[in-house]
C-alpha atoms as a PDB file:
ATOM      1  CA  MET A   1     -21.653  96.974  46.926  1.00  0.00           C
ATOM      2  CA  GLU A   2     -24.830  98.363  48.465  1.00  0.00           C
ATOM      3  CA  PRO A   3     -28.302  97.699  47.015  1.00  0.00           C
ATOM      4  CA  ASP A   4     -29.691 100.377  44.725  1.00  0.00           C
ATOM      5  CA  GLN A   5     -32.441 102.346  46.437  1.00  0.00           C
ATOM      6  CA  THR A   6     -34.772 102.240  43.444  1.00  0.00           C
ATOM      7  CA  LEU A   7     -38.447 101.586  42.922  1.00  0.00           C
ATOM      8  CA  PRO A   8     -39.586  97.984  42.353  1.00  0.00           C
ATOM      9  CA  PRO A   9     -39.632  96.896  38.689  1.00  0.00           C
ATOM     10  CA  ALA A  10     -42.804  97.301  36.664  1.00  0.00           C
ATOM     11  CA  SER A  11     -45.140  94.332  36.874  1.00  0.00           C
ATOM     12  CA  ASP A  12     -44.441  93.291  33.287  1.00  0.00           C
ATOM     13  CA  ALA A  13     -40.652  93.512  33.641  1.00  0.00           C
ATOM     14  CA  PRO A  14     -38.601  90.313  33.957  1.00  0.00           C
ATOM     15  CA  LEU A  15     -38.129  89.245  37.542  1.00  0.00           C
ATOM     16  CA  ALA A  16     -34.763  89.398  39.240  1.00  0.00           C
ATOM     17  CA  ALA A  17     -33.070  86.196  40.392  1.00  0.00           C
ATOM     18  CA  ILE A  18     -30.864  85.052  43.236  1.00  0.00           C
ATOM     19  CA  ILE A  19     -28.334  82.258  42.777  1.00  0.00           C
ATOM     20  CA  LEU A  20     -27.456  80.671  46.108  1.00  0.00           C
ATOM     21  CA  ALA A  21     -23.696  80.184  46.265  1.00  0.00           C
ATOM     22  CA  ALA A  22     -22.593  80.766  49.856  1.00  0.00           C
ATOM     23  CA  GLY A  23     -22.169  77.181  51.066  1.00  0.00           C
ATOM     24  CA  ARG A  24     -18.908  75.537  52.060  1.00  0.00           C
ATOM     25  CA  GLY A  25     -19.451  72.400  49.967  1.00  0.00           C
ATOM     26  CA  GLU A  26     -18.226  69.907  52.569  1.00  0.00           C
ATOM     27  CA  ARG A  27     -19.089  66.816  50.496  1.00  0.00           C
ATOM     28  CA  MET A  28     -17.176  68.256  47.544  1.00  0.00           C
ATOM     29  CA  ARG A  29     -13.891  68.376  49.448  1.00  0.00           C
ATOM     30  CA  PRO A  30     -11.031  68.394  48.610  1.00  0.00           C
ATOM     31  CA  LEU A  31     -12.083  70.178  45.389  1.00  0.00           C
ATOM     32  CA  SER A  32     -14.001  72.815  47.320  1.00  0.00           C
ATOM     33  CA  ASP A  33     -11.049  73.542  49.609  1.00  0.00           C
ATOM     34  CA  THR A  34      -9.623  75.882  46.995  1.00  0.00           C
ATOM     35  CA  CYS A  35     -12.609  76.662  44.744  1.00  0.00           C
ATOM     36  CA  PRO A  36     -16.245  77.411  45.658  1.00  0.00           C
ATOM     37  CA  LYS A  37     -18.435  74.557  44.463  1.00  0.00           C
ATOM     38  CA  PRO A  38     -20.513  76.667  42.017  1.00  0.00           C
ATOM     39  CA  LEU A  39     -17.309  77.723  40.245  1.00  0.00           C
ATOM     40  CA  LEU A  40     -16.137  74.170  39.595  1.00  0.00           C
ATOM     41  CA  PRO A  41     -16.156  73.405  35.856  1.00  0.00           C
ATOM     42  CA  VAL A  42     -18.955  71.516  34.152  1.00  0.00           C
ATOM     43  CA  GLY A  43     -18.883  71.294  30.378  1.00  0.00           C
ATOM     44  CA  GLY A  44     -15.995  73.713  30.104  1.00  0.00           C
ATOM     45  CA  ARG A  45     -17.668  76.468  32.130  1.00  0.00           C
ATOM     46  CA  PRO A  46     -18.125  77.204  35.822  1.00  0.00           C
ATOM     47  CA  MET A  47     -21.238  75.361  36.986  1.00  0.00           C
ATOM     48  CA  ILE A  48     -22.947  78.623  37.946  1.00  0.00           C
ATOM     49  CA  GLU A  49     -22.473  80.027  34.447  1.00  0.00           C
ATOM     50  CA  TRP A  50     -25.105  77.661  33.033  1.00  0.00           C
ATOM     51  CA  HIS A  51     -27.672  79.392  35.249  1.00  0.00           C
ATOM     52  CA  LEU A  52     -26.441  82.830  34.204  1.00  0.00           C
ATOM     53  CA  ARG A  53     -26.753  81.914  30.537  1.00  0.00           C
ATOM     54  CA  ALA A  54     -30.254  80.489  31.021  1.00  0.00           C
ATOM     55  CA  LEU A  55     -31.385  83.567  32.949  1.00  0.00           C
ATOM     56  CA  ALA A  56     -30.021  85.869  30.254  1.00  0.00           C
ATOM     57  CA  ALA A  57     -31.722  83.838  27.518  1.00  0.00           C
ATOM     58  CA  ALA A  58     -35.031  84.253  29.387  1.00  0.00           C
ATOM     59  CA  GLY A  59     -34.689  88.028  29.519  1.00  0.00           C
ATOM     60  CA  VAL A  60     -33.689  88.315  33.180  1.00  0.00           C
ATOM     61  CA  ARG A  61     -31.314  91.209  33.709  1.00  0.00           C
ATOM     62  CA  GLU A  62     -30.788  91.578  37.483  1.00  0.00           C
ATOM     63  CA  VAL A  63     -29.069  88.704  39.318  1.00  0.00           C
ATOM     64  CA  VAL A  64     -27.893  88.483  42.919  1.00  0.00           C
ATOM     65  CA  ILE A  65     -25.248  85.928  43.892  1.00  0.00           C
ATOM     66  CA  ASN A  66     -24.868  85.414  47.621  1.00  0.00           C
ATOM     67  CA  THR A  67     -21.400  84.346  48.685  1.00  0.00           C
ATOM     68  CA  ALA A  68     -19.388  83.430  51.771  1.00  0.00           C
ATOM     69  CA  TRP A  69     -16.812  80.648  51.229  1.00  0.00           C
ATOM     70  CA  LEU A  70     -13.846  81.874  49.127  1.00  0.00           C
ATOM     71  CA  GLU A  71     -16.208  84.613  48.002  1.00  0.00           C
ATOM     72  CA  THR A  72     -13.712  86.900  46.280  1.00  0.00           C
ATOM     73  CA  GLN A  73     -13.350  84.253  43.587  1.00  0.00           C
ATOM     74  CA  PHE A  74     -16.879  84.946  42.317  1.00  0.00           C
ATOM     75  CA  PRO A  75     -16.435  88.521  41.056  1.00  0.00           C
ATOM     76  CA  ALA A  76     -12.992  87.591  39.801  1.00  0.00           C
ATOM     77  CA  ALA A  77     -14.479  84.785  37.679  1.00  0.00           C
ATOM     78  CA  LEU A  78     -17.833  86.279  36.684  1.00  0.00           C
ATOM     79  CA  GLY A  79     -17.287  90.017  36.705  1.00  0.00           C
ATOM     80  CA  ASP A  80     -20.260  92.346  36.611  1.00  0.00           C
ATOM     81  CA  GLY A  81     -22.324  90.097  34.330  1.00  0.00           C
ATOM     82  CA  ARG A  82     -22.331  92.277  31.235  1.00  0.00           C
ATOM     83  CA  ARG A  83     -20.777  89.556  29.071  1.00  0.00           C
ATOM     84  CA  TRP A  84     -24.163  87.771  29.385  1.00  0.00           C
ATOM     85  CA  GLY A  85     -26.254  90.928  29.267  1.00  0.00           C
ATOM     86  CA  LEU A  86     -26.817  90.769  33.030  1.00  0.00           C
ATOM     87  CA  ARG A  87     -26.107  92.977  36.008  1.00  0.00           C
ATOM     88  CA  ILE A  88     -24.701  90.874  38.862  1.00  0.00           C
ATOM     89  CA  HIS A  89     -24.880  92.052  42.460  1.00  0.00           C
ATOM     90  CA  TYR A  90     -22.758  90.226  45.019  1.00  0.00           C
ATOM     91  CA  SER A  91     -24.230  89.790  48.488  1.00  0.00           C
ATOM     92  CA  MET A  92     -21.052  89.045  50.429  1.00  0.00           C
ATOM     93  CA  GLU A  93     -22.075  87.329  53.634  1.00  0.00           C
ATOM     94  CA  GLY A  94     -18.541  86.335  54.567  1.00  0.00           C
ATOM     95  CA  ARG A  95     -17.233  89.886  54.319  1.00  0.00           C
ATOM     96  CA  ASP A  96     -20.247  91.453  56.029  1.00  0.00           C
ATOM     97  CA  HIS A  97     -21.143  88.824  58.648  1.00  0.00           C
ATOM     98  CA  GLY A  98     -18.193  86.475  58.973  1.00  0.00           C
ATOM     99  CA  GLY A  99     -19.902  83.517  57.301  1.00  0.00           C
ATOM    100  CA  ALA A 100     -22.933  82.200  55.464  1.00  0.00           C
ATOM    101  CA  LEU A 101     -26.417  83.209  56.633  1.00  0.00           C
ATOM    102  CA  GLU A 102     -28.092  79.944  55.504  1.00  0.00           C
ATOM    103  CA  THR A 103     -30.665  79.978  52.738  1.00  0.00           C
ATOM    104  CA  ALA A 104     -33.469  82.111  54.180  1.00  0.00           C
ATOM    105  CA  GLY A 105     -31.042  84.459  55.903  1.00  0.00           C
ATOM    106  CA  GLY A 106     -29.105  84.916  52.678  1.00  0.00           C
ATOM    107  CA  ILE A 107     -32.264  85.703  50.722  1.00  0.00           C
ATOM    108  CA  ALA A 108     -33.435  88.125  53.434  1.00  0.00           C
ATOM    109  CA  LYS A 109     -30.147  90.023  53.142  1.00  0.00           C
ATOM    110  CA  ALA A 110     -30.520  90.218  49.354  1.00  0.00           C
ATOM    111  CA  LEU A 111     -34.169  91.398  49.301  1.00  0.00           C
ATOM    112  CA  PRO A 112     -33.348  95.055  48.491  1.00  0.00           C
ATOM    113  CA  TRP A 113     -32.083  93.861  45.092  1.00  0.00           C
ATOM    114  CA  LEU A 114     -34.876  91.383  44.384  1.00  0.00           C
ATOM    115  CA  GLY A 115     -38.231  93.144  44.251  1.00  0.00           C
ATOM    116  CA  GLU A 116     -41.569  91.666  45.304  1.00  0.00           C
ATOM    117  CA  ARG A 117     -41.250  88.324  43.469  1.00  0.00           C
ATOM    118  CA  PHE A 118     -38.077  86.672  42.199  1.00  0.00           C
ATOM    119  CA  TRP A 119     -36.438  83.499  40.933  1.00  0.00           C
ATOM    120  CA  VAL A 120     -34.373  81.335  43.298  1.00  0.00           C
ATOM    121  CA  VAL A 121     -31.880  78.701  42.154  1.00  0.00           C
ATOM    122  CA  SER A 122     -28.994  76.940  43.859  1.00  0.00           C
ATOM    123  CA  GLY A 123     -25.598  77.386  42.288  1.00  0.00           C
ATOM    124  CA  ASP A 124     -24.705  73.714  42.711  1.00  0.00           C
ATOM    125  CA  ILE A 125     -27.497  72.109  40.699  1.00  0.00           C
ATOM    126  CA  VAL A 126     -27.525  71.466  36.969  1.00  0.00           C
ATOM    127  CA  ALA A 127     -30.887  71.405  35.174  1.00  0.00           C
ATOM    128  CA  PRO A 128     -30.299  71.198  31.419  1.00  0.00           C
ATOM    129  CA  GLY A 129     -33.180  72.704  29.517  1.00  0.00           C
ATOM    130  CA  PHE A 130     -34.823  74.560  32.405  1.00  0.00           C
ATOM    131  CA  ARG A 131     -36.199  77.888  31.241  1.00  0.00           C
ATOM    132  CA  PHE A 132     -36.847  80.765  33.591  1.00  0.00           C
ATOM    133  CA  GLU A 133     -40.023  81.464  31.682  1.00  0.00           C
ATOM    134  CA  ALA A 134     -41.891  84.748  31.914  1.00  0.00           C
ATOM    135  CA  ALA A 135     -45.165  82.826  31.625  1.00  0.00           C
ATOM    136  CA  ALA A 136     -44.378  80.949  34.824  1.00  0.00           C
ATOM    137  CA  ALA A 137     -43.610  84.226  36.587  1.00  0.00           C
ATOM    138  CA  ARG A 138     -46.910  85.738  35.398  1.00  0.00           C
ATOM    139  CA  ALA A 139     -48.874  82.708  36.580  1.00  0.00           C
ATOM    140  CA  PHE A 140     -47.137  82.874  39.953  1.00  0.00           C
ATOM    141  CA  ALA A 141     -48.070  86.536  40.329  1.00  0.00           C
ATOM    142  CA  ALA A 142     -51.683  85.831  39.382  1.00  0.00           C
ATOM    143  CA  ARG A 143     -52.018  83.156  42.086  1.00  0.00           C
ATOM    144  CA  ASP A 144     -50.365  85.396  44.697  1.00  0.00           C
ATOM    145  CA  ASP A 145     -48.715  82.405  46.389  1.00  0.00           C
ATOM    146  CA  ASP A 146     -45.737  82.654  48.716  1.00  0.00           C
ATOM    147  CA  ALA A 147     -43.725  80.275  46.525  1.00  0.00           C
ATOM    148  CA  HIS A 148     -43.862  78.000  43.502  1.00  0.00           C
ATOM    149  CA  LEU A 149     -41.497  75.037  43.691  1.00  0.00           C
ATOM    150  CA  TRP A 150     -40.158  72.720  41.018  1.00  0.00           C
ATOM    151  CA  LEU A 151     -39.967  69.152  42.329  1.00  0.00           C
ATOM    152  CA  VAL A 152     -38.083  66.007  41.306  1.00  0.00           C
ATOM    153  CA  PRO A 153     -38.481  62.319  42.245  1.00  0.00           C
ATOM    154  CA  ASN A 154     -36.651  61.545  45.461  1.00  0.00           C
ATOM    155  CA  PRO A 155     -32.971  60.872  44.688  1.00  0.00           C
ATOM    156  CA  ASP A 156     -31.028  58.091  46.364  1.00  0.00           C
ATOM    157  CA  PHE A 157     -29.380  60.527  48.755  1.00  0.00           C
ATOM    158  CA  HIS A 158     -32.755  61.904  49.937  1.00  0.00           C
ATOM    159  CA  PRO A 159     -35.237  58.998  49.935  1.00  0.00           C
ATOM    160  CA  ALA A 160     -37.614  60.582  52.481  1.00  0.00           C
ATOM    161  CA  GLY A 161     -38.370  63.492  50.170  1.00  0.00           C
ATOM    162  CA  ASP A 162     -39.602  66.959  51.075  1.00  0.00           C
ATOM    163  CA  PHE A 163     -43.186  67.408  49.897  1.00  0.00           C
ATOM    164  CA  ALA A 164     -46.311  65.909  48.397  1.00  0.00           C
ATOM    165  CA  LEU A 165     -48.001  67.448  45.348  1.00  0.00           C
ATOM    166  CA  ASP A 166     -51.777  67.476  45.008  1.00  0.00           C
ATOM    167  CA  THR A 167     -53.508  66.924  41.677  1.00  0.00           C
ATOM    168  CA  ASP A 168     -54.443  70.617  41.691  1.00  0.00           C
ATOM    169  CA  GLY A 169     -50.791  71.653  41.870  1.00  0.00           C
ATOM    170  CA  ARG A 170     -50.683  72.520  45.557  1.00  0.00           C
ATOM    171  CA  VAL A 171     -47.585  71.582  47.517  1.00  0.00           C
ATOM    172  CA  ARG A 172     -48.200  69.882  50.882  1.00  0.00           C
ATOM    173  CA  ARG A 173     -45.896  68.536  53.552  1.00  0.00           C
ATOM    174  CA  HIS A 174     -47.606  65.140  53.408  1.00  0.00           C
ATOM    175  CA  ALA A 175     -49.808  63.227  50.968  1.00  0.00           C
ATOM    176  CA  ALA A 176     -53.556  63.364  51.592  1.00  0.00           C
ATOM    177  CA  ALA A 177     -54.951  60.960  54.177  1.00  0.00           C
ATOM    178  CA  GLY A 178     -55.796  57.610  52.612  1.00  0.00           C
ATOM    179  CA  SER A 179     -53.543  58.231  49.607  1.00  0.00           C
ATOM    180  CA  ALA A 180     -51.572  55.278  48.272  1.00  0.00           C
ATOM    181  CA  ALA A 181     -48.661  57.618  47.453  1.00  0.00           C
ATOM    182  CA  PRO A 182     -45.596  57.792  49.720  1.00  0.00           C
ATOM    183  CA  PRO A 183     -45.900  60.517  52.380  1.00  0.00           C
ATOM    184  CA  ARG A 184     -43.374  62.759  50.635  1.00  0.00           C
ATOM    185  CA  PRO A 185     -42.723  61.460  47.123  1.00  0.00           C
ATOM    186  CA  TRP A 186     -41.030  64.609  45.822  1.00  0.00           C
ATOM    187  CA  THR A 187     -37.816  66.467  46.569  1.00  0.00           C
ATOM    188  CA  TYR A 188     -37.476  70.234  46.213  1.00  0.00           C
ATOM    189  CA  ALA A 189     -35.244  70.796  43.186  1.00  0.00           C
ATOM    190  CA  ASN A 190     -33.764  74.057  44.494  1.00  0.00           C
ATOM    191  CA  LEU A 191     -35.552  75.913  41.694  1.00  0.00           C
ATOM    192  CA  ALA A 192     -38.367  78.244  42.680  1.00  0.00           C
ATOM    193  CA  LEU A 193     -40.288  81.456  42.391  1.00  0.00           C
ATOM    194  CA  MET A 194     -40.738  83.221  45.722  1.00  0.00           C
ATOM    195  CA  HIS A 195     -42.523  86.230  47.178  1.00  0.00           C
ATOM    196  CA  ARG A 196     -40.656  88.484  49.581  1.00  0.00           C
ATOM    197  CA  ARG A 197     -43.323  88.083  52.272  1.00  0.00           C
ATOM    198  CA  LEU A 198     -42.041  84.516  52.783  1.00  0.00           C
ATOM    199  CA  PHE A 199     -39.129  86.195  54.593  1.00  0.00           C
ATOM    200  CA  ASP A 200     -41.129  88.630  56.724  1.00  0.00           C
ATOM    201  CA  GLY A 201     -39.657  89.077  60.175  1.00  0.00           C
ATOM    202  CA  LEU A 202     -36.167  87.851  59.287  1.00  0.00           C
ATOM    203  CA  ALA A 203     -33.238  90.069  60.177  1.00  0.00           C
ATOM    204  CA  PRO A 204     -30.947  90.664  57.178  1.00  0.00           C
ATOM    205  CA  ASP A 205     -27.861  89.862  59.231  1.00  0.00           C
ATOM    206  CA  ARG A 206     -28.824  86.626  61.014  1.00  0.00           C
ATOM    207  CA  PRO A 207     -28.613  83.006  59.795  1.00  0.00           C
ATOM    208  CA  ALA A 208     -31.991  81.387  59.104  1.00  0.00           C
ATOM    209  CA  PRO A 209     -32.935  78.141  57.318  1.00  0.00           C
ATOM    210  CA  LEU A 210     -35.487  78.070  54.506  1.00  0.00           C
ATOM    211  CA  GLY A 211     -37.140  74.735  55.371  1.00  0.00           C
ATOM    212  CA  PRO A 212     -39.324  75.946  58.262  1.00  0.00           C
ATOM    213  CA  ARG A 213     -40.594  78.841  56.140  1.00  0.00           C
ATOM    214  CA  LEU A 214     -41.572  76.534  53.290  1.00  0.00           C
ATOM    215  CA  HIS A 215     -43.190  74.057  55.666  1.00  0.00           C
ATOM    216  CA  ALA A 216     -45.328  76.759  57.289  1.00  0.00           C
ATOM    217  CA  ALA A 217     -46.379  78.171  53.923  1.00  0.00           C
ATOM    218  CA  ALA A 218     -47.231  74.686  52.613  1.00  0.00           C
ATOM    219  CA  ASP A 219     -49.331  73.993  55.713  1.00  0.00           C
ATOM    220  CA  ALA A 220     -51.179  77.257  55.046  1.00  0.00           C
ATOM    221  CA  GLY A 221     -51.873  76.312  51.422  1.00  0.00           C
ATOM    222  CA  ARG A 222     -49.644  79.100  50.124  1.00  0.00           C
ATOM    223  CA  ILE A 223     -47.292  77.092  47.871  1.00  0.00           C
ATOM    224  CA  GLY A 224     -47.854  75.805  44.359  1.00  0.00           C
ATOM    225  CA  GLY A 225     -45.601  73.466  42.474  1.00  0.00           C
ATOM    226  CA  GLN A 226     -44.940  71.242  39.527  1.00  0.00           C
ATOM    227  CA  VAL A 227     -42.694  68.358  38.584  1.00  0.00           C
ATOM    228  CA  LEU A 228     -39.554  69.423  36.769  1.00  0.00           C
ATOM    229  CA  ASP A 229     -39.654  68.264  33.155  1.00  0.00           C
ATOM    230  CA  GLY A 230     -36.129  67.274  32.209  1.00  0.00           C
ATOM    231  CA  PRO A 231     -32.869  66.068  33.738  1.00  0.00           C
ATOM    232  CA  TRP A 232     -31.707  67.431  37.067  1.00  0.00           C
ATOM    233  CA  PHE A 233     -28.497  66.916  39.005  1.00  0.00           C
ATOM    234  CA  ASN A 234     -27.541  67.911  42.519  1.00  0.00           C
ATOM    235  CA  VAL A 235     -23.772  68.083  42.186  1.00  0.00           C
ATOM    236  CA  GLY A 236     -22.620  67.328  45.719  1.00  0.00           C
ATOM    237  CA  SER A 237     -19.494  65.180  45.537  1.00  0.00           C
ATOM    238  CA  PRO A 238     -16.362  64.804  43.382  1.00  0.00           C
ATOM    239  CA  ALA A 239     -17.780  61.566  41.962  1.00  0.00           C
ATOM    240  CA  GLN A 240     -21.036  63.282  40.939  1.00  0.00           C
ATOM    241  CA  LEU A 241     -19.089  66.121  39.390  1.00  0.00           C
ATOM    242  CA  ALA A 242     -16.860  63.732  37.461  1.00  0.00           C
ATOM    243  CA  ALA A 243     -19.826  61.784  36.145  1.00  0.00           C
ATOM    244  CA  LEU A 244     -21.602  64.917  34.949  1.00  0.00           C
ATOM    245  CA  ALA A 245     -18.427  66.419  33.510  1.00  0.00           C
ATOM    246  CA  ASP A 246     -17.909  63.403  31.238  1.00  0.00           C
ATOM    247  CA  GLY A 247     -17.807  64.930  27.781  1.00  0.00           C
ATOM    248  CA  ALA A 248     -20.198  62.517  26.105  1.00  0.00           C
ATOM    249  CA  VAL A 249     -22.773  62.641  28.904  1.00  0.00           C
ATOM    250  CA  PHE A 250     -22.641  66.395  29.275  1.00  0.00           C
ATOM    251  CA  GLY A 251     -22.694  67.074  25.556  1.00  0.00           C
ATOM    252  CA  ALA A 252     -25.761  64.910  25.033  1.00  0.00           C
ATOM    253  CA  LEU A 253     -27.637  66.574  27.904  1.00  0.00           C
ATOM    254  CA  PHE A 254     -27.025  70.105  26.793  1.00  0.00           C
ATOM    255  CA  ALA A 255     -27.453  69.412  23.103  1.00  0.00           C
ATOM    256  CA  ALA A 256     -30.899  68.065  23.938  1.00  0.00           C
ATOM    257  CA  ALA A 257     -31.618  71.182  25.969  1.00  0.00           C
ATOM    258  CA  ALA A 258     -30.713  73.353  22.950  1.00  0.00           C
ATOM    259  CA  ARG A 259     -30.371  76.553  24.920  1.00  0.00           C
ATOM    260  CA  PRO A 260     -30.276  79.670  22.731  1.00  0.00           C
ATOM    261  CA  ASP A 261     -26.787  80.970  22.111  1.00  0.00           C
ATOM    262  CA  LEU A 262     -25.834  84.337  23.527  1.00  0.00           C
ATOM    263  CA  THR A 263     -24.897  87.091  21.157  1.00  0.00           C
ATOM    264  CA  ALA A 264     -21.285  87.748  20.295  1.00  0.00           C
ATOM    265  CA  THR A 265     -21.570  91.079  22.114  1.00  0.00           C
ATOM    266  CA  GLN A 266     -22.664  89.349  25.301  1.00  0.00           C
ATOM    267  CA  GLU A 267     -19.894  86.757  25.058  1.00  0.00           C
ATOM    268  CA  ALA A 268     -17.246  89.463  24.529  1.00  0.00           C
ATOM    269  CA  GLY A 269     -18.485  91.739  27.306  1.00  0.00           C
ATOM    270  CA  ASP A 270     -16.385  93.112  30.096  1.00  0.00           C
ATOM    271  CA  ALA A 271     -15.611  90.535  32.807  1.00  0.00           C
ATOM    272  CA  ARG A 272     -14.002  92.867  35.317  1.00  0.00           C
ATOM    273  CA  SER A 273     -14.662  92.515  39.028  1.00  0.00           C
ATOM    274  CA  VAL A 274     -17.230  94.768  40.695  1.00  0.00           C
END
């Protein structure tokens, strides 16, 4: 499906979003051998559906899902998005390029659907209670940064971290000289607002990592950030998935999040492939 050749959305319209879902999920094998990781069930729904529901509740209407590994399963499972009041566009990197384009390359390919600024979230994280708030999008636009990142304390699997965060909310690659804080006390939560200029110069058909782009923008003082308020899970292995999928644990997390329910019309919407 080709991008619509339409004008960018009005400045007060909800931003579009991209859910990153093209990875192979090596650490999730053997489960990911037959099912893309974002489609594995958490709390009785595909993991990616929790993002779709949160985006819909926040008023987002346009969502891109980039795919590569077992990618035909995504439209078969999620349809065109109308059951959540969304319009889903599938950016099929496997079909078009023979494999995943990495994070920055995948976003560059999807830019025609995304507008000037947009939400970015990985399909294999779970962040109960996160709201894709319009106020955050407005503040991001007012600052005219290249990106705004949500950060979490360094998890056990990534003790070196990714970034430091100044008291004025600026994201740096390292803590200020003389600081008693660890050099990189925060890990990027794979939740962000981004501006399309962060991807200037990237070909839409070539793999490219996101890290170097974020590092350069942070060094230039072009990234803001904040600590994520609430639980966050990077669901990378079968053991992590099993722990999160425990009924009591999952139920408590999402009950506390108290996400608004979708309307009956949204729930009953057409789920056909597009």
